[in-house]
C-alpha atoms as a PDB file:
ATOM      1  CA  MET A   1      12.451  -8.778   5.705  1.00  0.00           C
ATOM      2  CA  MET A   2      15.071  -7.330   8.028  1.00  0.00           C
ATOM      3  CA  VAL A   3      12.877  -8.178  11.011  1.00  0.00           C
ATOM      4  CA  MET A   4      12.691 -11.809   9.902  1.00  0.00           C
ATOM      5  CA  VAL A   5      16.484 -11.982   9.475  1.00  0.00           C
ATOM      6  CA  THR A   6      16.940 -10.483  12.946  1.00  0.00           C
ATOM      7  CA  ILE A   7      14.558 -12.978  14.506  1.00  0.00           C
ATOM      8  CA  MET A   8      16.174 -15.902  12.708  1.00  0.00           C
ATOM      9  CA  THR A   9      19.603 -14.710  13.884  1.00  0.00           C
ATOM     10  CA  ALA A  10      18.363 -14.448  17.462  1.00  0.00           C
ATOM     11  CA  ASN A  11      16.921 -17.965  17.298  1.00  0.00           C
ATOM     12  CA  MET A  12      20.165 -19.336  15.865  1.00  0.00           C
ATOM     13  CA  HIS A  13      22.087 -17.634  18.654  1.00  0.00           C
ATOM     14  CA  LEU A  14      19.747 -19.216  21.209  1.00  0.00           C
ATOM     15  CA  HIS A  15      20.309 -22.664  19.769  1.00  0.00           C
ATOM     16  CA  GLN A  16      24.096 -22.234  19.691  1.00  0.00           C
ATOM     17  CA  HIS A  17      24.146 -22.139  23.488  1.00  0.00           C
ATOM     18  CA  TYR A  18      22.817 -25.666  23.684  1.00  0.00           C
ATOM     19  CA  GLU A  19      25.053 -28.529  22.711  1.00  0.00           C
ATOM     20  CA  MET A  20      23.760 -30.731  19.923  1.00  0.00           C
ATOM     21  CA  ALA A  21      23.350 -33.700  22.267  1.00  0.00           C
ATOM     22  CA  ARG A  22      21.285 -31.680  24.704  1.00  0.00           C
ATOM     23  CA  VAL A  23      18.980 -30.425  21.936  1.00  0.00           C
ATOM     24  CA  LEU A  24      18.481 -33.933  20.633  1.00  0.00           C
ATOM     25  CA  SER A  25      17.788 -35.273  24.112  1.00  0.00           C
ATOM     26  CA  ASN A  26      15.240 -32.484  24.711  1.00  0.00           C
ATOM     27  CA  LEU A  27      13.394 -33.497  21.581  1.00  0.00           C
ATOM     28  CA  PHE A  28      13.234 -37.212  22.375  1.00  0.00           C
ATOM     29  CA  LEU A  29      12.868 -37.384  26.165  1.00  0.00           C
ATOM     30  CA  PRO A  30       9.259 -38.149  27.123  1.00  0.00           C
ATOM     31  CA  ALA A  31       9.281 -36.110  30.348  1.00  0.00           C
ATOM     32  CA  GLY A  32      11.538 -34.334  32.788  1.00  0.00           C
ATOM     33  CA  ARG A  33      13.707 -31.273  32.750  1.00  0.00           C
ATOM     34  CA  GLY A  34      14.698 -31.581  29.081  1.00  0.00           C
ATOM     35  CA  ARG A  35      11.076 -31.671  27.972  1.00  0.00           C
ATOM     36  CA  ALA A  36      10.217 -28.550  29.995  1.00  0.00           C
ATOM     37  CA  GLU A  37      13.113 -26.569  28.487  1.00  0.00           C
ATOM     38  CA  ASN A  38      12.048 -27.618  25.009  1.00  0.00           C
ATOM     39  CA  GLY A  39       8.522 -26.418  25.781  1.00  0.00           C
ATOM     40  CA  ALA A  40       9.876 -23.047  26.904  1.00  0.00           C
ATOM     41  CA  VAL A  41      11.843 -22.660  23.676  1.00  0.00           C
ATOM     42  CA  ARG A  42       8.772 -23.573  21.648  1.00  0.00           C
ATOM     43  CA  ALA A  43       6.612 -21.093  23.592  1.00  0.00           C
ATOM     44  CA  ARG A  44       9.188 -18.350  23.048  1.00  0.00           C
ATOM     45  CA  ALA A  45       9.274 -19.149  19.332  1.00  0.00           C
ATOM     46  CA  ARG A  46       5.454 -18.974  19.135  1.00  0.00           C
ATOM     47  CA  TRP A  47       5.415 -15.545  20.816  1.00  0.00           C
ATOM     48  CA  THR A  48       8.137 -14.355  18.437  1.00  0.00           C
ATOM     49  CA  VAL A  49       6.146 -15.480  15.398  1.00  0.00           C
ATOM     50  CA  LEU A  50       3.007 -13.834  16.773  1.00  0.00           C
ATOM     51  CA  ALA A  51       4.864 -10.557  17.379  1.00  0.00           C
ATOM     52  CA  VAL A  52       6.287 -10.567  13.854  1.00  0.00           C
ATOM     53  CA  ALA A  53       2.861 -11.270  12.359  1.00  0.00           C
ATOM     54  CA  MET A  54       1.295  -8.399  14.304  1.00  0.00           C
ATOM     55  CA  LEU A  55       4.118  -6.080  13.246  1.00  0.00           C
ATOM     56  CA  GLY A  56       3.592  -7.067   9.613  1.00  0.00           C
ATOM     57  CA  VAL A  57      -0.130  -6.326   9.790  1.00  0.00           C
ATOM     58  CA  CYS A  58       0.502  -2.914  11.372  1.00  0.00           C
ATOM     59  CA  LEU A  59       3.133  -1.975   8.790  1.00  0.00           C
ATOM     60  CA  ALA A  60       0.896  -3.073   5.912  1.00  0.00           C
ATOM     61  CA  ALA A  61      -1.998  -0.975   7.217  1.00  0.00           C
ATOM     62  CA  THR A  62       0.253   2.044   7.661  1.00  0.00           C
ATOM     63  CA  ALA A  63       1.791   1.718   4.195  1.00  0.00           C
ATOM     64  CA  ARG A  64      -1.608   1.423   2.571  1.00  0.00           C
ATOM     65  CA  HIS A  65      -2.784   4.831   3.769  1.00  0.00           C
ATOM     66  CA  GLN A  66       0.404   6.869   3.966  1.00  0.00           C
ATOM     67  CA  ASP A  67      -0.012   8.546   0.560  1.00  0.00           C
ATOM     68  CA  ARG A  68      -3.533   9.825   1.243  1.00  0.00           C
ATOM     69  CA  ASP A  69      -4.308  13.091   2.949  1.00  0.00           C
ATOM     70  CA  SER A  70      -6.534  13.030   6.003  1.00  0.00           C
ATOM     71  CA  ASN A  71      -9.765  14.091   4.294  1.00  0.00           C
ATOM     72  CA  GLY A  72      -9.265  12.001   1.133  1.00  0.00           C
ATOM     73  CA  ALA A  73      -9.733  14.913  -1.285  1.00  0.00           C
ATOM     74  CA  PRO A  74      -6.989  15.424  -3.863  1.00  0.00           C
ATOM     75  CA  LYS A  75      -5.104  18.679  -3.392  1.00  0.00           C
ATOM     76  CA  THR A  76      -5.279  21.426  -6.008  1.00  0.00           C
ATOM     77  CA  SER A  77      -3.263  24.596  -6.325  1.00  0.00           C
ATOM     78  CA  ALA A  78      -4.484  28.032  -5.304  1.00  0.00           C
ATOM     79  CA  ALA A  79      -4.589  29.162  -8.960  1.00  0.00           C
ATOM     80  CA  ALA A  80      -7.016  26.383  -9.941  1.00  0.00           C
ATOM     81  CA  PRO A  81     -10.275  27.446 -11.633  1.00  0.00           C
ATOM     82  CA  SER A  82     -13.571  27.094  -9.818  1.00  0.00           C
ATOM     83  CA  PRO A  83     -15.248  23.652  -9.936  1.00  0.00           C
ATOM     84  CA  GLU A  84     -17.839  24.986 -12.400  1.00  0.00           C
ATOM     85  CA  ALA A  85     -15.091  26.021 -14.845  1.00  0.00           C
ATOM     86  CA  ARG A  86     -13.335  22.653 -14.787  1.00  0.00           C
ATOM     87  CA  VAL A  87     -13.802  19.987 -17.456  1.00  0.00           C
ATOM     88  CA  ASP A  88     -15.763  16.905 -16.360  1.00  0.00           C
ATOM     89  CA  ILE A  89     -13.752  13.780 -17.234  1.00  0.00           C
ATOM     90  CA  ASN A  90     -16.840  11.551 -17.043  1.00  0.00           C
ATOM     91  CA  HIS A  91     -18.923  13.457 -19.598  1.00  0.00           C
ATOM     92  CA  ALA A  92     -16.632  15.651 -21.745  1.00  0.00           C
ATOM     93  CA  SER A  93     -15.771  14.671 -25.293  1.00  0.00           C
ATOM     94  CA  ALA A  94     -12.152  14.271 -26.407  1.00  0.00           C
ATOM     95  CA  ALA A  95     -12.360  17.694 -28.083  1.00  0.00           C
ATOM     96  CA  GLU A  96     -13.554  19.291 -24.833  1.00  0.00           C
ATOM     97  CA  LEU A  97     -10.747  17.582 -22.920  1.00  0.00           C
ATOM     98  CA  MET A  98      -8.251  19.043 -25.404  1.00  0.00           C
ATOM     99  CA  THR A  99      -9.086  22.524 -24.023  1.00  0.00           C
ATOM    100  CA  VAL A 100      -7.367  21.571 -20.748  1.00  0.00           C
ATOM    101  CA  PRO A 101      -3.853  23.074 -20.577  1.00  0.00           C
ATOM    102  CA  GLY A 102      -1.212  20.349 -20.917  1.00  0.00           C
ATOM    103  CA  MET A 103      -3.599  17.792 -22.465  1.00  0.00           C
ATOM    104  CA  ALA A 104      -2.610  15.879 -25.611  1.00  0.00           C
ATOM    105  CA  ARG A 105      -5.023  14.073 -27.951  1.00  0.00           C
ATOM    106  CA  PRO A 106      -3.861  10.515 -27.034  1.00  0.00           C
ATOM    107  CA  TRP A 107      -4.360  11.240 -23.334  1.00  0.00           C
ATOM    108  CA  ALA A 108      -7.803  12.760 -23.947  1.00  0.00           C
ATOM    109  CA  GLU A 109      -8.841   9.674 -25.947  1.00  0.00           C
ATOM    110  CA  ARG A 110      -7.595   7.374 -23.170  1.00  0.00           C
ATOM    111  CA  ILE A 111      -9.599   9.325 -20.579  1.00  0.00           C
ATOM    112  CA  VAL A 112     -12.749   8.906 -22.701  1.00  0.00           C
ATOM    113  CA  ARG A 113     -12.060   5.198 -23.314  1.00  0.00           C
ATOM    114  CA  PHE A 114     -11.624   4.179 -19.663  1.00  0.00           C
ATOM    115  CA  ARG A 115     -14.697   5.896 -18.166  1.00  0.00           C
ATOM    116  CA  PRO A 116     -16.371   6.129 -15.620  1.00  0.00           C
ATOM    117  CA  TYR A 117     -14.274   7.584 -12.806  1.00  0.00           C
ATOM    118  CA  ARG A 118     -15.202   8.049  -9.154  1.00  0.00           C
ATOM    119  CA  SER A 119     -12.684  10.852  -8.721  1.00  0.00           C
ATOM    120  CA  LYS A 120      -9.958  12.467 -10.771  1.00  0.00           C
ATOM    121  CA  GLN A 121      -7.451  10.427  -8.729  1.00  0.00           C
ATOM    122  CA  ASP A 122      -8.761   7.367 -10.626  1.00  0.00           C
ATOM    123  CA  LEU A 123      -6.819   8.623 -13.650  1.00  0.00           C
ATOM    124  CA  LEU A 124      -3.642   7.671 -11.766  1.00  0.00           C
ATOM    125  CA  ASP A 125      -5.016   4.675  -9.889  1.00  0.00           C
ATOM    126  CA  LYS A 126      -6.281   2.987 -13.075  1.00  0.00           C
ATOM    127  CA  GLY A 127      -3.133   3.887 -15.026  1.00  0.00           C
ATOM    128  CA  VAL A 128      -4.990   6.012 -17.582  1.00  0.00           C
ATOM    129  CA  VAL A 129      -2.422   8.839 -17.451  1.00  0.00           C
ATOM    130  CA  THR A 130       1.092   9.117 -16.094  1.00  0.00           C
ATOM    131  CA  SER A 131       1.862  11.089 -12.946  1.00  0.00           C
ATOM    132  CA  GLU A 132       3.511  13.788 -15.062  1.00  0.00           C
ATOM    133  CA  VAL A 133       0.366  14.282 -17.154  1.00  0.00           C
ATOM    134  CA  TYR A 134      -1.831  14.126 -14.051  1.00  0.00           C
ATOM    135  CA  ASP A 135       0.190  16.873 -12.365  1.00  0.00           C
ATOM    136  CA  ARG A 136      -0.356  19.105 -15.424  1.00  0.00           C
ATOM    137  CA  ILE A 137      -4.131  18.574 -15.687  1.00  0.00           C
ATOM    138  CA  LYS A 138      -5.325  17.913 -12.122  1.00  0.00           C
ATOM    139  CA  ASP A 139      -6.287  21.527 -11.441  1.00  0.00           C
ATOM    140  CA  TYR A 140      -8.442  21.760 -14.583  1.00  0.00           C
ATOM    141  CA  VAL A 141     -10.501  18.566 -14.408  1.00  0.00           C
ATOM    142  CA  ILE A 142     -13.224  17.229 -12.140  1.00  0.00           C
ATOM    143  CA  ALA A 143     -15.169  13.955 -12.006  1.00  0.00           C
ATOM    144  CA  HIS A 144     -18.943  14.303 -11.697  1.00  0.00           C
ATOM    145  CA  ARG A 145     -20.789  10.997 -11.374  1.00  0.00           C
ATOM    146  CA  ASN A 146     -24.117  12.213 -12.774  1.00  0.00           C
ATOM    147  CA  ARG A 147     -24.877  14.698 -15.517  1.00  0.00           C
ATOM    148  CA  GLU A 148     -25.897  18.003 -13.945  1.00  0.00           C
END
């Protein structure tokens, strides 16, 4: 948004240097010096719009991936149990999910209701649990796609 305001301000500043009569004559003259200057202003405006569009695409792509780590695997703490000891959110019952430290019955029932999950990060991405609950349980759960 700030980039657009800056560009609009720069364009307004550019147009302030031309008198109103000169701008109008540049628009309506069929050929000559006035027409060439108008073409230069239009070309400059097109390049400005193109640069802003490219900047927007780059910023959107950067923002989309800034919260992911490089390998895509969610981080767990060093004190986390082994993957075999974790509770599978795709296959465990609500009672089994209740054995996870920090889990409450409503959250366990929501996890069961909104299955299946591709990864435990889906609990946050789909809005099944809050970030506070996820931080408490993330080290104790795992998402297996197929029953082992």
